[in-house]
Protein backbone atom coordinates (compact mmCIF):
# COMPACT_ATOMS: atom_id res chain seq x y z
CA UNK A 1 -65.62 27.10 -22.51
CA UNK A 2 -63.95 30.52 -23.37
CA UNK A 3 -64.05 32.98 -20.54
CA UNK A 4 -66.62 35.47 -21.05
CA UNK A 5 -64.06 38.42 -20.18
CA UNK A 6 -62.45 39.91 -23.29
CA UNK A 7 -59.17 38.95 -24.79
CA UNK A 8 -56.44 41.65 -23.92
CA UNK A 9 -53.49 39.56 -25.54
CA UNK A 10 -52.71 42.42 -28.12
CA UNK A 11 -52.12 44.67 -25.12
CA UNK A 12 -49.88 42.26 -23.18
CA UNK A 13 -47.79 41.48 -26.39
CA UNK A 14 -47.39 45.14 -26.82
CA UNK A 15 -46.33 45.67 -23.14
CA UNK A 16 -43.87 42.69 -23.50
CA UNK A 17 -42.13 43.87 -26.79
CA UNK A 18 -41.64 47.40 -25.24
CA UNK A 19 -40.06 45.82 -22.31
CA UNK A 20 -37.62 43.92 -24.83
CA UNK A 21 -38.81 40.34 -24.08
CA UNK A 22 -38.00 37.86 -26.69
CA UNK A 23 -40.63 36.20 -29.09
CA UNK A 24 -40.29 33.05 -27.49
CA UNK A 25 -41.07 34.57 -24.09
CA UNK A 26 -44.11 36.35 -25.56
CA UNK A 27 -45.34 33.13 -27.24
CA UNK A 28 -45.11 31.08 -24.15
CA UNK A 29 -46.88 33.77 -22.03
CA UNK A 30 -49.44 33.83 -24.87
CA UNK A 31 -50.04 29.96 -24.36
CA UNK A 32 -50.87 30.53 -20.75
CA UNK A 33 -53.00 33.33 -21.03
CA UNK A 34 -55.15 31.46 -23.50
CA UNK A 35 -55.43 28.91 -20.80
CA UNK A 36 -56.64 31.48 -18.25
CA UNK A 37 -59.08 32.95 -20.87
CA UNK A 38 -60.71 29.42 -21.08
CA UNK A 39 -60.89 29.06 -17.51
CA UNK A 40 -58.20 26.72 -16.82
CA UNK A 41 -56.70 26.61 -13.32
CA UNK A 42 -53.78 24.45 -13.66
CA UNK A 43 -55.28 22.17 -11.33
CA UNK A 44 -54.34 18.42 -11.01
CA UNK A 45 -56.71 16.15 -9.25
CA UNK A 46 -56.13 12.88 -7.26
CA UNK A 47 -58.47 11.31 -10.07
CA UNK A 48 -55.61 12.21 -12.68
CA UNK A 49 -52.68 10.65 -10.91
CA UNK A 50 -51.45 7.49 -9.03
CA UNK A 51 -49.03 7.64 -6.14
CA UNK A 52 -45.47 6.09 -6.50
CA UNK A 53 -44.68 2.66 -4.91
CA UNK A 54 -41.52 2.97 -2.44
CA UNK A 55 -39.75 0.41 -5.18
CA UNK A 56 -40.48 2.42 -8.20
CA UNK A 57 -37.54 4.71 -8.13
CA UNK A 58 -33.89 3.65 -7.25
CA UNK A 59 -32.35 4.68 -3.96
CA UNK A 60 -28.84 6.87 -4.04
CA UNK A 61 -27.26 4.04 -1.81
CA UNK A 62 -27.66 1.46 -4.61
CA UNK A 63 -25.65 3.83 -7.09
CA UNK A 64 -22.17 3.68 -5.68
CA UNK A 65 -20.74 1.70 -8.91
CA UNK A 66 -21.40 4.98 -10.98
CA UNK A 67 -19.10 7.34 -9.10
CA UNK A 68 -16.13 6.89 -11.59
CA UNK A 69 -18.41 7.50 -14.64
CA UNK A 70 -19.35 10.70 -12.81
CA UNK A 71 -15.83 11.87 -12.15
CA UNK A 72 -14.92 11.45 -15.80
CA UNK A 73 -18.04 13.39 -16.71
CA UNK A 74 -17.25 16.47 -14.63
CA UNK A 75 -15.42 18.33 -17.53
CA UNK A 76 -18.65 18.02 -19.63
CA UNK A 77 -20.99 19.18 -16.97
CA UNK A 78 -22.24 22.77 -15.56
CA UNK A 79 -23.66 23.50 -12.30
CA UNK A 80 -26.47 25.74 -12.69
CA UNK A 81 -27.76 27.75 -9.53
CA UNK A 82 -31.30 29.68 -9.27
CA UNK A 83 -29.94 32.98 -8.00
CA UNK A 84 -33.30 34.88 -8.31
CA UNK A 85 -34.45 34.96 -4.59
CA UNK A 86 -34.17 38.14 -2.30
CA UNK A 87 -34.93 36.56 0.91
CA UNK A 88 -37.59 38.87 2.07
CA UNK A 89 -39.26 36.34 4.33
CA UNK A 90 -35.98 36.79 6.48
CA UNK A 91 -35.81 40.41 6.11
CA UNK A 92 -33.15 40.63 3.45
CA UNK A 93 -33.11 43.14 1.02
CA UNK A 94 -30.63 41.68 -1.50
CA UNK A 95 -29.73 38.39 -2.98
CA UNK A 96 -30.03 35.55 -0.45
CA UNK A 97 -27.05 33.86 -2.01
CA UNK A 98 -24.82 36.89 -0.58
CA UNK A 99 -25.95 36.02 3.18
CA UNK A 100 -22.98 34.82 5.11
CA UNK A 101 -23.88 31.33 6.01
CA UNK A 102 -20.81 29.41 6.93
CA UNK A 103 -17.74 30.42 8.61
CA UNK A 104 -18.34 33.96 7.32
CA UNK A 105 -18.69 32.97 3.67
CA UNK A 106 -21.73 33.44 1.55
CA UNK A 107 -23.62 30.82 -0.20
CA UNK A 108 -22.05 32.33 -3.49
CA UNK A 109 -18.65 31.98 -2.12
CA UNK A 110 -19.08 28.50 -1.01
CA UNK A 111 -20.63 27.35 -4.48
CA UNK A 112 -17.65 29.13 -6.38
CA UNK A 113 -15.11 27.13 -3.98
CA UNK A 114 -17.05 23.93 -4.62
CA UNK A 115 -17.07 24.29 -8.55
CA UNK A 116 -13.26 25.48 -8.55
CA UNK A 117 -12.41 22.31 -6.45
CA UNK A 118 -14.23 19.99 -8.71
CA UNK A 119 -13.25 21.50 -12.03
CA UNK A 120 -16.84 22.21 -13.10
CA UNK A 121 -18.31 25.26 -14.76
CA UNK A 122 -20.55 27.32 -12.51
CA UNK A 123 -23.64 29.26 -14.02
CA UNK A 124 -26.18 31.52 -12.01
CA UNK A 125 -29.60 32.21 -13.36
CA UNK A 126 -30.19 35.78 -11.81
CA UNK A 127 -33.66 37.64 -11.82
CA UNK A 128 -34.11 41.29 -12.37
CA UNK A 129 -33.91 41.75 -8.54
CA UNK A 130 -30.54 40.07 -7.90
CA UNK A 131 -28.55 40.56 -11.25
CA UNK A 132 -26.85 44.10 -10.28
CA UNK A 133 -26.15 43.00 -6.73
CA UNK A 134 -24.67 39.62 -7.82
CA UNK A 135 -22.48 41.10 -10.40
CA UNK A 136 -21.03 43.52 -7.99
CA UNK A 137 -20.51 40.74 -5.54
CA UNK A 138 -18.55 38.84 -8.17
CA UNK A 139 -16.54 41.88 -8.80
CA UNK A 140 -15.54 41.73 -5.07
CA UNK A 141 -14.76 38.17 -4.66
CA UNK A 142 -12.82 38.07 -7.70
CA UNK A 143 -12.88 34.45 -8.40
CA UNK A 144 -10.25 32.80 -10.66
CA UNK A 145 -13.10 31.26 -12.82
CA UNK A 146 -16.05 33.85 -12.85
CA UNK A 147 -19.55 32.18 -12.92
CA UNK A 148 -21.40 32.51 -16.12
CA UNK A 149 -24.66 34.76 -15.58
CA UNK A 150 -27.94 34.74 -17.51
CA UNK A 151 -31.14 36.40 -16.63
CA UNK A 152 -34.45 35.03 -15.93
CA UNK A 153 -37.57 36.69 -17.92
CA UNK A 154 -40.54 38.22 -16.46
CA UNK A 155 -44.18 37.89 -17.11
CA UNK A 156 -46.88 40.79 -16.76
CA UNK A 157 -49.42 40.37 -14.07
CA UNK A 158 -53.04 39.82 -15.13
CA UNK A 159 -55.77 41.85 -13.54
CA UNK A 160 -58.33 39.26 -12.07
CA UNK A 161 -61.17 41.72 -13.02
CA UNK A 162 -61.27 41.71 -16.69
CA UNK A 163 -58.05 39.67 -17.25
CA UNK A 164 -56.08 42.83 -18.71
CA UNK A 165 -52.61 44.12 -18.03
CA UNK A 166 -52.20 44.89 -14.39
CA UNK A 167 -51.06 48.85 -14.11
CA UNK A 168 -49.30 50.42 -11.05
CA UNK A 169 -47.95 53.85 -12.22
CA UNK A 170 -46.45 54.61 -8.39
CA UNK A 171 -44.23 51.36 -9.02
CA UNK A 172 -44.54 50.09 -12.61
CA UNK A 173 -42.10 46.99 -11.49
CA UNK A 174 -44.72 45.56 -9.54
CA UNK A 175 -46.75 44.88 -12.82
CA UNK A 176 -44.36 42.18 -13.47
CA UNK A 177 -43.73 38.93 -11.76
CA UNK A 178 -40.98 36.31 -12.08
CA UNK A 179 -42.45 33.56 -13.91
CA UNK A 180 -41.26 30.77 -11.64
CA UNK A 181 -38.09 28.64 -12.04
CA UNK A 182 -39.67 26.71 -14.98
CA UNK A 183 -38.42 29.60 -16.97
CA UNK A 184 -34.97 28.34 -16.65
CA UNK A 185 -35.23 26.55 -19.95
CA UNK A 186 -36.53 29.44 -22.17
CA UNK A 187 -33.82 31.58 -20.33
CA UNK A 188 -31.10 29.43 -21.37
CA UNK A 189 -32.19 29.52 -24.91
CA UNK A 190 -32.75 33.25 -25.34
CA UNK A 191 -29.64 34.18 -23.43
CA UNK A 192 -27.64 32.07 -25.70
CA UNK A 193 -26.16 30.38 -22.74
CA UNK A 194 -27.62 26.78 -24.05
CA UNK A 195 -25.72 27.32 -27.20
CA UNK A 196 -22.58 28.66 -25.50
CA UNK A 197 -22.51 25.43 -23.14
CA UNK A 198 -23.18 22.93 -26.04
CA UNK A 199 -20.40 24.63 -28.24
CA UNK A 200 -17.95 24.21 -25.35
CA UNK A 201 -18.89 20.38 -25.11
CA UNK A 202 -21.08 20.77 -21.97
CA UNK A 203 -23.85 18.38 -22.14
CA UNK A 204 -25.03 17.68 -18.58
CA UNK A 205 -26.40 20.21 -16.39
CA UNK A 206 -27.14 19.89 -12.56
CA UNK A 207 -29.56 22.46 -11.51
CA UNK A 208 -30.45 23.60 -7.83
CA UNK A 209 -31.39 26.40 -5.33
CA UNK A 210 -28.78 28.76 -4.25
CA UNK A 211 -29.91 28.23 -0.63
CA UNK A 212 -29.60 24.44 -0.38
CA UNK A 213 -26.24 23.86 0.63
CA UNK A 214 -26.94 19.91 0.41
CA UNK A 215 -27.18 19.96 -3.16
CA UNK A 216 -23.55 19.51 -4.40
CA UNK A 217 -22.36 18.03 -7.61
CA UNK A 218 -22.41 14.39 -6.80
CA UNK A 219 -20.35 12.13 -8.87
CA UNK A 220 -22.68 9.26 -8.15
CA UNK A 221 -25.69 10.77 -9.31
CA UNK A 222 -23.95 12.56 -12.48
CA UNK A 223 -22.53 8.93 -13.26
CA UNK A 224 -25.92 7.17 -13.12
CA UNK A 225 -27.52 10.13 -15.08
CA UNK A 226 -24.81 9.67 -18.02
CA UNK A 227 -24.59 6.11 -17.81
CA UNK A 228 -28.30 5.34 -18.18
CA UNK A 229 -28.57 8.29 -21.00
CA UNK A 230 -31.56 9.80 -19.22
CA UNK A 231 -32.85 13.21 -20.64
CA UNK A 232 -34.01 14.48 -17.23
CA UNK A 233 -33.75 13.17 -13.48
CA UNK A 234 -35.21 14.52 -10.67
CA UNK A 235 -33.90 13.96 -7.03
CA UNK A 236 -36.75 13.03 -4.84
CA UNK A 237 -36.76 12.64 -0.93
CA UNK A 238 -39.02 10.79 1.48
CA UNK A 239 -41.69 13.24 2.76
CA UNK A 240 -41.94 13.98 6.53
CA UNK A 241 -44.60 15.93 8.27
CA UNK A 242 -42.37 19.13 7.64
CA UNK A 243 -42.69 18.59 3.94
CA UNK A 244 -46.47 18.61 3.27
CA UNK A 245 -46.58 21.99 1.50
CA UNK A 246 -43.98 21.22 -1.10
CA UNK A 247 -44.68 19.58 -4.50
CA UNK A 248 -44.83 15.64 -4.55
CA UNK A 249 -43.99 13.25 -7.18
CA UNK A 250 -46.54 11.24 -8.59
CA UNK A 251 -47.59 9.30 -11.91
CA UNK A 252 -50.01 10.22 -14.52
CA UNK A 253 -52.51 7.71 -15.64
CA UNK A 254 -50.86 7.70 -18.96
CA UNK A 255 -47.81 6.37 -17.26
CA UNK A 256 -45.16 9.46 -17.03
CA UNK A 257 -43.78 11.00 -13.91
CA UNK A 258 -45.37 14.30 -12.89
CA UNK A 259 -44.98 16.79 -10.34
CA UNK A 260 -47.95 18.27 -8.48
CA UNK A 261 -47.41 21.44 -6.39
CA UNK A 262 -49.74 22.61 -3.61
CA UNK A 263 -50.94 25.51 -5.70
CA UNK A 264 -52.19 22.88 -8.28
CA UNK A 265 -54.11 20.81 -5.73
CA UNK A 266 -57.92 21.44 -5.64
CA UNK A 267 -58.72 22.80 -1.98
CA UNK A 268 -61.07 19.77 -1.09
CA UNK A 269 -57.99 17.39 -1.99
CA UNK A 270 -55.41 19.24 0.33
CA UNK A 271 -55.74 16.35 2.98
CA UNK A 272 -55.01 13.91 0.41
CA UNK A 273 -52.01 15.90 -0.98
CA UNK A 274 -50.52 16.36 2.63
CA UNK A 275 -50.75 12.42 3.19
CA UNK A 276 -47.10 11.31 3.42
CA UNK A 277 -48.01 7.85 3.59
CA UNK A 278 -49.85 8.02 0.30
CA UNK A 279 -47.71 10.58 -1.70
CA UNK A 280 -44.23 9.55 -0.40
CA UNK A 281 -41.77 11.53 -2.48
CA UNK A 282 -41.09 15.18 -2.53
CA UNK A 283 -39.10 17.03 -5.07
CA UNK A 284 -35.77 18.57 -3.54
CA UNK A 285 -35.69 21.00 -6.67
CA UNK A 286 -32.10 19.30 -7.37
CA UNK A 287 -32.60 18.28 -11.17
CA UNK A 288 -30.23 16.78 -13.81
CA UNK A 289 -30.73 17.79 -17.41
CA UNK A 290 -29.31 16.64 -20.77
CA UNK A 291 -28.69 19.93 -22.75
CA UNK A 292 -28.50 18.27 -25.99
CA UNK A 293 -31.91 16.76 -25.47
CA UNK A 294 -33.28 20.13 -24.06
CA UNK A 295 -32.10 21.90 -27.32
CA UNK A 296 -33.80 19.38 -29.51
CA UNK A 297 -37.03 19.79 -27.60
CA UNK A 298 -37.03 23.65 -27.65
CA UNK A 299 -36.42 23.32 -31.43
CA UNK A 300 -39.09 21.08 -32.14
CA UNK A 301 -41.61 22.43 -29.68
CA UNK A 302 -40.72 26.10 -29.99
CA UNK A 303 -40.15 26.23 -26.32
CA UNK A 304 -40.72 24.10 -23.22
CA UNK A 305 -44.48 24.47 -22.29
CA UNK A 306 -44.85 23.32 -18.66
CA UNK A 307 -47.92 22.80 -16.64
CA UNK A 308 -49.32 26.36 -15.49
CA UNK A 309 -49.41 27.29 -12.06
CA UNK A 310 -51.90 30.23 -11.60
CA UNK A 311 -51.23 32.22 -8.10
CA UNK A 312 -53.74 34.64 -7.05
CA UNK A 313 -51.91 37.73 -5.32
CA UNK A 314 -52.55 41.37 -4.76
CA UNK A 315 -50.72 43.46 -7.26
CA UNK A 316 -48.59 45.29 -4.42
CA UNK A 317 -47.81 42.39 -1.81
CA UNK A 318 -47.71 44.91 0.86
CA UNK A 319 -50.95 46.60 0.11
CA UNK A 320 -54.11 44.62 0.57
CA UNK A 321 -56.28 47.30 -0.91
CA UNK A 322 -54.37 46.87 -4.27
CA UNK A 323 -56.30 45.04 -6.92
CA UNK A 324 -56.13 41.21 -7.10
CA UNK A 325 -54.01 39.66 -9.95
CA UNK A 326 -53.09 36.41 -11.34
CA UNK A 327 -49.48 35.60 -11.66
CA UNK A 328 -48.43 32.92 -14.28
CA UNK A 329 -45.81 30.68 -12.92
CA UNK A 330 -44.18 27.29 -13.57
CA UNK A 331 -41.94 24.94 -11.86
CA UNK A 332 -38.84 23.49 -13.40
CA UNK A 333 -39.34 20.12 -11.91
CA UNK A 334 -42.76 19.84 -13.77
CA UNK A 335 -40.58 19.04 -16.96
CA UNK A 336 -40.32 15.50 -15.67
CA UNK A 337 -43.74 14.99 -17.49
CA UNK A 338 -42.44 16.50 -21.02
CA UNK A 339 -38.99 14.92 -21.37
CA UNK A 340 -39.71 11.30 -22.62
CA UNK A 341 -38.15 8.55 -20.38
CA UNK A 342 -37.46 11.07 -17.58
CA UNK A 343 -36.66 9.42 -14.23
CA UNK A 344 -36.38 10.07 -10.69
CA UNK A 345 -34.04 8.78 -7.85
CA UNK A 346 -34.61 8.60 -4.13
CA UNK A 347 -31.81 10.73 -2.34
CA UNK A 348 -31.00 10.93 1.45
CA UNK A 349 -32.25 13.84 3.28
CA UNK A 350 -28.65 15.17 3.45
CA UNK A 351 -28.97 16.45 0.01
CA UNK A 352 -31.70 18.83 1.07
CA UNK A 353 -31.24 21.41 3.85
CA UNK A 354 -32.46 24.73 2.30
CA UNK A 355 -32.27 28.05 4.54
CA UNK A 356 -35.66 29.53 3.97
CA UNK A 357 -36.08 30.88 7.65
CA UNK A 358 -33.60 32.07 10.47
CA UNK A 359 -34.26 28.76 12.12
CA UNK A 360 -32.63 26.96 9.29
CA UNK A 361 -29.65 29.49 9.23
CA UNK A 362 -28.90 28.58 12.81
CA UNK A 363 -28.87 24.90 12.10
CA UNK A 364 -26.51 25.36 9.12
CA UNK A 365 -24.35 27.88 10.77
CA UNK A 366 -23.62 25.47 13.88
CA UNK A 367 -21.74 22.31 14.09
CA UNK A 368 -24.52 20.15 13.01
CA UNK A 369 -23.45 21.05 9.37
CA UNK A 370 -19.61 21.11 8.28
CA UNK A 371 -17.51 21.51 5.22
CA UNK A 372 -15.58 18.34 3.99
CA UNK A 373 -12.16 18.43 2.20
CA UNK A 374 -13.91 19.50 -0.97
CA UNK A 375 -15.61 22.57 0.78
CA UNK A 376 -19.03 20.49 0.26
CA UNK A 377 -21.34 20.86 3.18
CA UNK A 378 -22.38 17.59 5.15
CA UNK A 379 -24.18 16.60 8.20
CA UNK A 380 -21.74 16.03 11.00
CA UNK A 381 -21.23 12.40 11.33
CA UNK A 382 -21.49 12.46 15.32
CA UNK A 383 -24.80 14.30 15.33
CA UNK A 384 -27.51 12.94 17.51
CA UNK A 385 -30.59 13.61 15.47
CA UNK A 386 -31.20 12.82 11.80
CA UNK A 387 -33.64 15.73 11.37
CA UNK A 388 -32.96 18.32 13.93
CA UNK A 389 -35.98 20.68 14.67
CA UNK A 390 -35.29 24.18 15.59
CA UNK A 391 -38.07 26.73 16.46
CA UNK A 392 -36.98 30.35 17.20
CA UNK A 393 -39.36 32.90 18.60
CA UNK A 394 -40.33 34.75 15.39
CA UNK A 395 -40.94 37.94 17.15
CA UNK A 396 -37.29 37.95 18.18
CA UNK A 397 -35.48 35.88 15.60
CA UNK A 398 -37.61 36.10 12.39
CA UNK A 399 -35.70 38.99 10.80
CA UNK A 400 -32.09 38.64 9.93
CA UNK A 401 -30.98 41.74 11.96
CA UNK A 402 -32.80 40.44 15.06
CA UNK A 403 -31.46 37.02 14.70
CA UNK A 404 -27.75 38.34 14.17
CA UNK A 405 -28.07 40.62 17.15
CA UNK A 406 -28.93 37.54 19.45
CA UNK A 407 -26.18 35.33 18.19
CA UNK A 408 -23.48 37.87 18.12
CA UNK A 409 -20.54 35.51 18.44
CA UNK A 410 -22.04 32.77 16.31
CA UNK A 411 -24.12 29.78 16.44
CA UNK A 412 -24.15 27.38 19.66
CA UNK A 413 -23.00 23.78 19.28
CA UNK A 414 -26.06 21.67 17.94
CA UNK A 415 -24.26 18.31 17.17
CA UNK A 416 -25.82 16.92 20.28
CA UNK A 417 -28.98 18.44 19.91
CA UNK A 418 -32.18 16.70 19.09
CA UNK A 419 -34.51 19.91 19.16
CA UNK A 420 -34.28 23.31 20.29
CA UNK A 421 -37.38 25.66 20.81
CA UNK A 422 -36.63 29.37 22.17
CA UNK A 423 -39.65 31.33 23.62
CA UNK A 424 -39.04 34.98 24.09
CA UNK A 425 -36.00 37.27 24.03
CA UNK A 426 -32.77 35.38 24.52
CA UNK A 427 -29.10 36.46 23.63
CA UNK A 428 -26.72 33.62 23.20
CA UNK A 429 -22.98 34.36 23.94
CA UNK A 430 -20.04 32.45 22.72
CA UNK A 431 -19.27 28.71 23.20
CA UNK A 432 -22.87 27.63 24.08
CA UNK A 433 -23.66 23.77 23.80
CA UNK A 434 -27.45 22.50 23.50
CA UNK A 435 -27.77 18.91 24.29
CA UNK A 436 -31.05 16.70 23.58
CA UNK A 437 -34.45 18.17 23.58
CA UNK A 438 -34.37 21.62 24.97
CA UNK A 439 -36.84 24.42 25.41
CA UNK A 440 -35.48 27.64 26.51
CA UNK A 441 -38.20 30.18 27.86
CA UNK A 442 -37.96 33.85 28.76
CA UNK A 443 -41.34 35.10 29.97
CA UNK A 444 -39.86 38.69 30.61
CA UNK A 445 -39.90 41.66 28.53
CA UNK A 446 -36.19 42.03 29.43
CA UNK A 447 -33.64 40.21 27.29
CA UNK A 448 -32.20 37.01 29.01
CA UNK A 449 -28.66 35.75 28.26
CA UNK A 450 -27.11 32.41 27.91
CA UNK A 451 -23.64 32.81 29.14
CA UNK A 452 -20.43 31.96 27.57
CA UNK A 453 -19.59 28.36 27.67
CA UNK A 454 -22.93 27.26 29.21
CA UNK A 455 -24.12 23.66 28.61
CA UNK A 456 -27.90 23.51 28.24
CA UNK A 457 -29.45 19.98 28.71
CA UNK A 458 -33.36 19.95 29.30
CA UNK A 459 -35.45 22.98 29.66
CA UNK A 460 -34.34 26.28 30.99
CA UNK A 461 -36.67 29.03 32.03
CA UNK A 462 -35.41 32.46 33.15
């Protein structure tokens, strides 16, 4: 039933035109706005889907025979990095990809080195928040083969009261939201990047987040993708209790694979959503896309209409008194339900270690993660734990500046660590080694120090 509130679409169209957004972007937003008017929420209930059995998708370990095919396909492939994030949850004010992450090099520098070693074209999808800073960083880095850059679009925020365009004169930028990484397909088309790649004979794309160092351009996966002639392939991994918030893979009752994000799950079904015994696989956000198929899909369907995610937020996220709005977003992995004969493959955890918090950054900076001969990041073969858990006191390590101040000479050795918890204010000097399961506690308001060269095994209380 159509929403009782008035249709403000002409105002949205006018606002988007004035912002210089392409017709296909405006049409895509209009498609979602109509769903909002009719009361759609983008929810996917358990009744509409079936859980995947463990045997339904192939495992990475079974695909070794495809490596040669993948090697030969490198020159026809592009690695596309989602570079729209600012890392605000870690206290960063610029692009997260510029954060020094390993041996003094940033995510961006590592990505450039990996792509140059493999002879693969690198492209970055920037957001309006990261574009200028990324271009300035590329000028400083001056790579031999600069990455191609294109811009993510933006959608206008929708006022929950009345469903009209949000207005915020004191900071008009807050009237817009990034449309989620599902915008990548439209952005490739409107920027001309899709045609540019196809004209250069590049037909295979590997897409991943800038902060996931495990997501390299893997010849085995590329070879399988090419040999099977797949239009779309998602890398899924086994869910653990730490993954219950992320989107999971399922099968629609009509047979095709689909992705359900937590924002698309009805509140009363969240317990089932989090059941890792039922929904076994999560989306790593490492995707493989056939660009020729994508071009045909966009031409025939006039765009890529992904399932809608409707996010309720405050207009100004830092002001709880600001009006409530809806942000229309989409997830790029949801395209698995739109590409006929799309597939998924179960990959090891080593292809998924994103840096979302300073806890993750400590693990990646330590010897638990190390570069191989190709500058690709791999888990240390001599590590003691398959899934290292680090929990740093957020009051002292939650923000990047506080974190850096407490590890002034680098991360401790974590290769022999199984878990590390730090409670209170503790500074780590150089050459510290953590072994086994360790809890370090400082109940005092004065900062404690783990001295240079200390080996910590078992719990330590100051």
